[in-house]
N, C-alpha and C. Protein backbone atom coordinates (compact mmCIF):
# COMPACT_ATOMS: atom_id res chain seq x y z
N MET A 1 73.78 -52.44 72.52
CA MET A 1 72.70 -52.23 73.46
C MET A 1 72.80 -50.79 74.00
N THR A 2 71.68 -50.14 74.13
CA THR A 2 71.61 -48.78 74.62
C THR A 2 71.24 -48.79 76.10
N ALA A 3 71.98 -48.05 76.88
CA ALA A 3 71.71 -47.97 78.32
C ALA A 3 70.71 -46.84 78.60
N ILE A 4 69.88 -47.05 79.59
CA ILE A 4 68.95 -46.02 80.03
C ILE A 4 69.38 -45.57 81.40
N GLY A 5 69.62 -44.27 81.53
CA GLY A 5 70.07 -43.73 82.82
C GLY A 5 68.89 -43.47 83.73
N THR A 6 69.22 -43.14 84.96
CA THR A 6 68.21 -42.87 85.99
C THR A 6 67.29 -41.73 85.57
N ALA A 7 67.84 -40.67 85.03
CA ALA A 7 67.03 -39.50 84.64
C ALA A 7 66.03 -39.86 83.55
N GLU A 8 66.47 -40.67 82.57
CA GLU A 8 65.57 -41.11 81.49
C GLU A 8 64.48 -42.02 82.04
N LEU A 9 64.85 -42.92 82.93
CA LEU A 9 63.87 -43.83 83.54
C LEU A 9 62.83 -43.06 84.33
N LYS A 10 63.27 -42.07 85.07
CA LYS A 10 62.33 -41.22 85.82
C LYS A 10 61.37 -40.52 84.89
N ARG A 11 61.87 -39.95 83.79
CA ARG A 11 61.01 -39.24 82.83
C ARG A 11 60.03 -40.22 82.20
N MET A 12 60.47 -41.43 81.89
CA MET A 12 59.58 -42.42 81.28
C MET A 12 58.45 -42.76 82.23
N PHE A 13 58.76 -43.02 83.48
CA PHE A 13 57.71 -43.39 84.44
C PHE A 13 56.84 -42.20 84.82
N ASP A 14 57.37 -41.01 84.81
CA ASP A 14 56.54 -39.81 84.98
C ASP A 14 55.47 -39.75 83.88
N ALA A 15 55.92 -39.95 82.65
CA ALA A 15 54.99 -39.88 81.51
C ALA A 15 53.97 -41.01 81.54
N ILE A 16 54.41 -42.22 81.87
CA ILE A 16 53.49 -43.36 81.93
C ILE A 16 52.48 -43.14 83.03
N ALA A 17 52.92 -42.74 84.21
CA ALA A 17 52.02 -42.50 85.35
C ALA A 17 50.99 -41.42 84.98
N ALA A 18 51.44 -40.37 84.30
CA ALA A 18 50.51 -39.29 83.92
C ALA A 18 49.49 -39.80 82.89
N ALA A 19 49.93 -40.60 81.96
CA ALA A 19 49.01 -41.15 80.94
C ALA A 19 47.97 -42.08 81.56
N ILE A 20 48.42 -42.93 82.45
CA ILE A 20 47.51 -43.85 83.13
C ILE A 20 46.50 -43.07 83.97
N GLU A 21 46.98 -42.08 84.70
CA GLU A 21 46.09 -41.25 85.52
C GLU A 21 45.05 -40.56 84.66
N ALA A 22 45.48 -40.05 83.52
CA ALA A 22 44.57 -39.32 82.61
C ALA A 22 43.49 -40.24 82.04
N ASP A 23 43.83 -41.52 81.84
CA ASP A 23 42.88 -42.48 81.24
C ASP A 23 42.33 -43.47 82.24
N LYS A 24 42.50 -43.20 83.53
CA LYS A 24 42.06 -44.14 84.58
C LYS A 24 40.58 -44.50 84.45
N ASP A 25 39.73 -43.52 84.25
CA ASP A 25 38.29 -43.78 84.16
C ASP A 25 37.95 -44.65 82.94
N ARG A 26 38.62 -44.39 81.83
CA ARG A 26 38.41 -45.18 80.61
C ARG A 26 38.86 -46.62 80.82
N LEU A 27 39.99 -46.83 81.47
CA LEU A 27 40.48 -48.17 81.76
C LEU A 27 39.49 -48.90 82.66
N CYS A 28 38.94 -48.22 83.65
CA CYS A 28 37.95 -48.84 84.51
C CYS A 28 36.70 -49.21 83.75
N GLN A 29 36.28 -48.32 82.84
CA GLN A 29 35.10 -48.59 82.02
C GLN A 29 35.32 -49.84 81.16
N LEU A 30 36.48 -49.93 80.52
CA LEU A 30 36.79 -51.11 79.71
C LEU A 30 36.80 -52.37 80.55
N ASP A 31 37.42 -52.30 81.72
CA ASP A 31 37.50 -53.44 82.61
C ASP A 31 36.12 -53.84 83.13
N GLY A 32 35.23 -52.90 83.25
CA GLY A 32 33.89 -53.18 83.75
C GLY A 32 33.08 -54.08 82.84
N VAL A 33 33.45 -54.15 81.57
CA VAL A 33 32.74 -55.00 80.62
C VAL A 33 32.95 -56.48 80.97
N ILE A 34 34.13 -56.81 81.43
CA ILE A 34 34.43 -58.22 81.73
C ILE A 34 34.93 -58.45 83.14
N GLY A 35 35.10 -57.42 83.90
CA GLY A 35 35.70 -57.58 85.22
C GLY A 35 35.00 -56.71 86.27
N ASP A 36 35.80 -56.29 87.23
CA ASP A 36 35.25 -55.56 88.38
C ASP A 36 35.45 -54.04 88.30
N ALA A 37 35.88 -53.56 87.14
CA ALA A 37 35.98 -52.12 86.85
C ALA A 37 36.98 -51.38 87.72
N ASP A 38 38.05 -52.05 88.13
CA ASP A 38 39.05 -51.38 88.98
C ASP A 38 40.43 -51.33 88.33
N HIS A 39 40.52 -51.74 87.08
CA HIS A 39 41.85 -51.84 86.42
C HIS A 39 42.56 -50.48 86.37
N GLY A 40 41.85 -49.43 86.02
CA GLY A 40 42.47 -48.10 85.93
C GLY A 40 42.96 -47.63 87.28
N ILE A 41 42.20 -47.90 88.31
CA ILE A 41 42.62 -47.51 89.68
C ILE A 41 43.88 -48.26 90.07
N ALA A 42 43.89 -49.58 89.83
CA ALA A 42 45.05 -50.39 90.21
C ALA A 42 46.28 -49.99 89.41
N MET A 43 46.13 -49.73 88.14
CA MET A 43 47.29 -49.32 87.33
C MET A 43 47.79 -47.95 87.76
N ALA A 44 46.88 -47.02 88.06
CA ALA A 44 47.32 -45.69 88.52
C ALA A 44 48.08 -45.82 89.83
N LEU A 45 47.58 -46.60 90.76
CA LEU A 45 48.27 -46.79 92.04
C LEU A 45 49.66 -47.38 91.82
N GLY A 46 49.73 -48.40 90.98
CA GLY A 46 51.01 -49.07 90.73
C GLY A 46 52.04 -48.18 90.06
N PHE A 47 51.63 -47.46 89.02
CA PHE A 47 52.58 -46.59 88.32
C PHE A 47 52.93 -45.36 89.13
N ASN A 48 52.02 -44.87 89.92
CA ASN A 48 52.36 -43.75 90.83
C ASN A 48 53.37 -44.22 91.86
N ALA A 49 53.20 -45.43 92.39
CA ALA A 49 54.14 -45.95 93.37
C ALA A 49 55.53 -46.16 92.73
N ALA A 50 55.55 -46.67 91.51
CA ALA A 50 56.84 -46.86 90.81
C ALA A 50 57.52 -45.51 90.58
N ARG A 51 56.73 -44.52 90.15
CA ARG A 51 57.27 -43.17 89.93
C ARG A 51 57.84 -42.60 91.21
N ASP A 52 57.11 -42.77 92.32
CA ASP A 52 57.57 -42.25 93.59
C ASP A 52 58.83 -42.95 94.06
N ALA A 53 58.93 -44.25 93.83
CA ALA A 53 60.13 -44.98 94.22
C ALA A 53 61.35 -44.51 93.39
N LEU A 54 61.13 -44.30 92.12
CA LEU A 54 62.22 -43.80 91.27
C LEU A 54 62.65 -42.39 91.66
N ALA A 55 61.71 -41.58 92.13
CA ALA A 55 62.06 -40.22 92.53
C ALA A 55 63.07 -40.23 93.69
N ALA A 56 63.08 -41.30 94.46
CA ALA A 56 63.99 -41.39 95.60
C ALA A 56 65.42 -41.75 95.18
N LEU A 57 65.60 -42.12 93.93
CA LEU A 57 66.94 -42.50 93.47
C LEU A 57 67.81 -41.30 93.24
């Protein structure tokens, strides 16, 4: 089993948060077809919060 250190975890969540933020509008558009069109916003908020929490480590 490979261990992931704090620095790697921070880099991973930085990249994920940036990707979600970049595609937030597209995710909302896709969600709007069957839902309330807020999926991109919710994911961006969640991943930004996770990234910020990891930054405190």
